[in-house]
Amino acid sequence: MPQTVLDTPMGPIGLHWTGQTLTAVDLAPDAAGGGAAELPTALAGQLAAYLADGSASFDLALDLGGTPFQQRVWAAIRAIPAGATRTYKDLAAQLGSAPRAVGQACRANPCPIVVPCHRVVAVKGLGGFAGDRSGRQLAIKRWLLRHEGVAVD
């Protein structure tokens, strides 16, 4: 599976794909172990557009895997527009589930940023991101939301 590690304004991210299909975005890549394969054209272009303008959207072929429930959550997340947020509670009500289950699906999201789980927040505060409630991952969530024009603490 081709991969590369890119330096971005939020720090390095690892990208993994098969053919033209994105399979994973790694927010904490091992730079020493990252490949330097050339990114598929659509992925390179859409990622560059998003990093330049937080309102740019992604329309990429994705292989997310996951359970049917996770796929439902990820589809709901992809419907949240840039610059907007939804709470875990709101998504849970929309999906007939529980906020904790939505949070677990967010944590299992293999393609953060492209499947914008950073737009899902707690009723009070940011909640977590990629399994972390502090540190680098939460700093990335803050950066992404600010980049999209969302006021965060």
Protein backbone atom coordinates (compact mmCIF):
# COMPACT_ATOMS: atom_id res chain seq x y z
CA MET A 1 0.00 0.00 0.00
CA PRO A 2 1.62 3.31 -1.04
CA GLN A 3 2.09 5.89 1.65
CA THR A 4 3.72 9.22 2.27
CA VAL A 5 4.23 11.62 5.15
CA LEU A 6 3.45 15.27 4.43
CA ASP A 7 4.39 18.34 6.40
CA THR A 8 1.27 20.47 6.90
CA PRO A 9 0.45 23.57 8.96
CA MET A 10 -0.94 21.22 11.66
CA GLY A 11 2.19 19.05 11.63
CA PRO A 12 3.07 15.89 9.74
CA ILE A 13 0.31 13.60 8.52
CA GLY A 14 0.61 10.21 6.90
CA LEU A 15 -1.52 9.27 3.91
CA HIS A 16 -2.18 5.72 2.70
CA TRP A 17 -3.95 4.68 -0.47
CA THR A 18 -4.51 1.91 -2.97
CA GLY A 19 -4.76 3.02 -6.58
CA GLN A 20 -6.79 6.24 -6.45
CA THR A 21 -8.57 5.24 -3.21
CA LEU A 22 -7.63 6.79 0.13
CA THR A 23 -7.46 4.16 2.88
CA ALA A 24 -6.05 6.03 5.90
CA VAL A 25 -4.93 9.37 7.28
CA ASP A 26 -2.44 9.02 10.13
CA LEU A 27 -2.29 12.05 12.43
CA ALA A 28 0.79 10.72 14.26
CA PRO A 29 2.94 9.17 11.53
CA ASP A 30 6.32 7.64 12.08
CA ALA A 31 8.34 9.92 9.80
CA ALA A 32 11.20 7.42 9.75
CA GLY A 33 8.90 4.68 8.49
CA GLY A 34 6.91 6.78 6.04
CA GLY A 35 7.24 6.22 2.35
CA ALA A 36 7.57 8.93 -0.22
CA ALA A 37 5.23 7.66 -2.91
CA GLU A 38 3.67 10.22 -5.21
CA LEU A 39 0.14 11.08 -4.13
CA PRO A 40 -2.77 10.36 -6.45
CA THR A 41 -3.66 13.54 -8.34
CA ALA A 42 -7.14 13.96 -6.82
CA LEU A 43 -5.86 13.45 -3.28
CA ALA A 44 -2.94 15.87 -3.73
CA GLY A 45 -5.16 18.53 -5.29
CA GLN A 46 -8.04 18.31 -2.84
CA LEU A 47 -5.75 18.23 0.20
CA ALA A 48 -3.83 21.27 -1.08
CA ALA A 49 -7.12 23.09 -1.71
CA TYR A 50 -8.36 22.31 1.80
CA LEU A 51 -5.11 23.39 3.44
CA ALA A 52 -5.31 26.68 1.52
CA ASP A 53 -9.02 27.23 2.21
CA GLY A 54 -10.87 25.52 5.06
CA SER A 55 -14.16 25.73 3.18
CA ALA A 56 -12.89 23.43 0.40
CA SER A 57 -14.51 20.01 0.42
CA PHE A 58 -13.31 16.51 -0.34
CA ASP A 59 -14.78 14.24 -2.97
CA LEU A 60 -12.39 11.30 -2.93
CA ALA A 61 -12.75 7.58 -3.38
CA LEU A 62 -12.47 6.11 0.14
CA ASP A 63 -12.06 2.60 1.51
CA LEU A 64 -13.10 3.05 5.13
CA GLY A 65 -14.06 -0.49 6.05
CA GLY A 66 -15.88 -0.44 9.38
CA THR A 67 -19.12 -1.85 10.66
CA PRO A 68 -22.49 -0.85 9.20
CA PHE A 69 -23.04 1.44 12.21
CA GLN A 70 -19.62 3.09 11.81
CA GLN A 71 -20.35 3.63 8.13
CA ARG A 72 -23.65 5.35 9.04
CA VAL A 73 -21.85 7.62 11.50
CA TRP A 74 -19.12 8.45 8.98
CA ALA A 75 -21.73 9.26 6.33
CA ALA A 76 -23.49 11.60 8.77
CA ILE A 77 -20.17 13.24 9.61
CA ARG A 78 -19.37 13.79 5.94
CA ALA A 79 -22.68 15.69 5.64
CA ILE A 80 -21.55 18.30 8.21
CA PRO A 81 -20.40 21.31 6.17
CA ALA A 82 -17.07 23.03 6.73
CA GLY A 83 -17.38 25.72 9.36
CA ALA A 84 -20.17 23.89 11.21
CA THR A 85 -20.18 21.47 14.11
CA ARG A 86 -22.58 18.89 15.54
CA THR A 87 -22.49 17.36 18.98
CA TYR A 88 -22.08 13.67 19.66
CA LYS A 89 -25.55 13.93 21.24
CA ASP A 90 -27.10 15.46 18.10
CA LEU A 91 -25.60 12.81 15.84
CA ALA A 92 -26.71 10.08 18.22
CA ALA A 93 -30.29 11.38 18.13
CA GLN A 94 -30.17 11.60 14.32
CA LEU A 95 -28.91 8.00 14.10
CA GLY A 96 -31.04 6.54 16.90
CA SER A 97 -27.97 5.71 18.94
CA ALA A 98 -26.03 6.87 21.99
CA PRO A 99 -23.41 9.66 22.12
CA ARG A 100 -20.73 7.24 23.37
CA ALA A 101 -21.30 4.96 20.36
CA VAL A 102 -20.94 7.95 18.03
CA GLY A 103 -17.71 8.90 19.82
CA GLN A 104 -16.37 5.37 19.40
CA ALA A 105 -17.16 5.47 15.68
CA CYS A 106 -15.39 8.82 15.42
CA ARG A 107 -12.36 7.32 17.14
CA ALA A 108 -12.37 4.40 14.66
CA ASN A 109 -12.51 6.75 11.64
CA PRO A 110 -9.53 5.75 9.46
CA CYS A 111 -9.54 8.99 7.44
CA PRO A 112 -9.79 11.97 9.79
CA ILE A 113 -9.79 15.36 8.06
CA VAL A 114 -11.37 13.85 4.90
CA VAL A 115 -14.14 12.28 6.99
CA PRO A 116 -14.30 15.36 9.21
CA CYS A 117 -14.82 13.92 12.68
CA HIS A 118 -13.16 17.09 14.00
CA ARG A 119 -16.56 18.74 13.38
CA VAL A 120 -18.14 16.56 16.07
CA VAL A 121 -17.87 18.15 19.50
CA ALA A 122 -19.11 17.61 23.03
CA VAL A 123 -22.13 19.49 24.37
CA LYS A 124 -19.63 21.47 26.45
CA GLY A 125 -16.17 21.77 24.96
CA LEU A 126 -14.39 20.05 22.13
CA GLY A 127 -14.58 16.45 23.27
CA GLY A 128 -11.81 14.21 21.98
CA PHE A 129 -10.15 13.63 18.66
CA ALA A 130 -8.64 10.45 17.26
CA GLY A 131 -8.85 8.87 20.69
CA ASP A 132 -7.15 11.70 22.58
CA ARG A 133 -8.67 14.26 24.91
CA SER A 134 -5.50 16.38 25.11
CA GLY A 135 -2.14 16.76 23.46
CA ARG A 136 -1.27 16.82 19.77
CA GLN A 137 -4.50 15.26 18.47
CA LEU A 138 -6.67 17.82 20.24
CA ALA A 139 -4.37 20.61 18.99
CA ILE A 140 -5.00 19.31 15.46
CA LYS A 141 -8.78 19.38 16.08
CA ARG A 142 -8.51 22.99 17.26
CA TRP A 143 -6.41 23.91 14.22
CA LEU A 144 -8.86 22.25 11.80
CA LEU A 145 -11.89 23.96 13.35
CA ARG A 146 -10.19 27.38 13.38
CA HIS A 147 -9.05 26.81 9.80
CA GLU A 148 -12.71 26.31 8.88
CA GLY A 149 -13.75 29.45 10.77
CA VAL A 150 -15.15 27.86 13.92
CA ALA A 151 -14.42 29.78 17.13
CA VAL A 152 -12.84 27.43 19.66
CA ASP A 153 -11.37 27.94 23.11
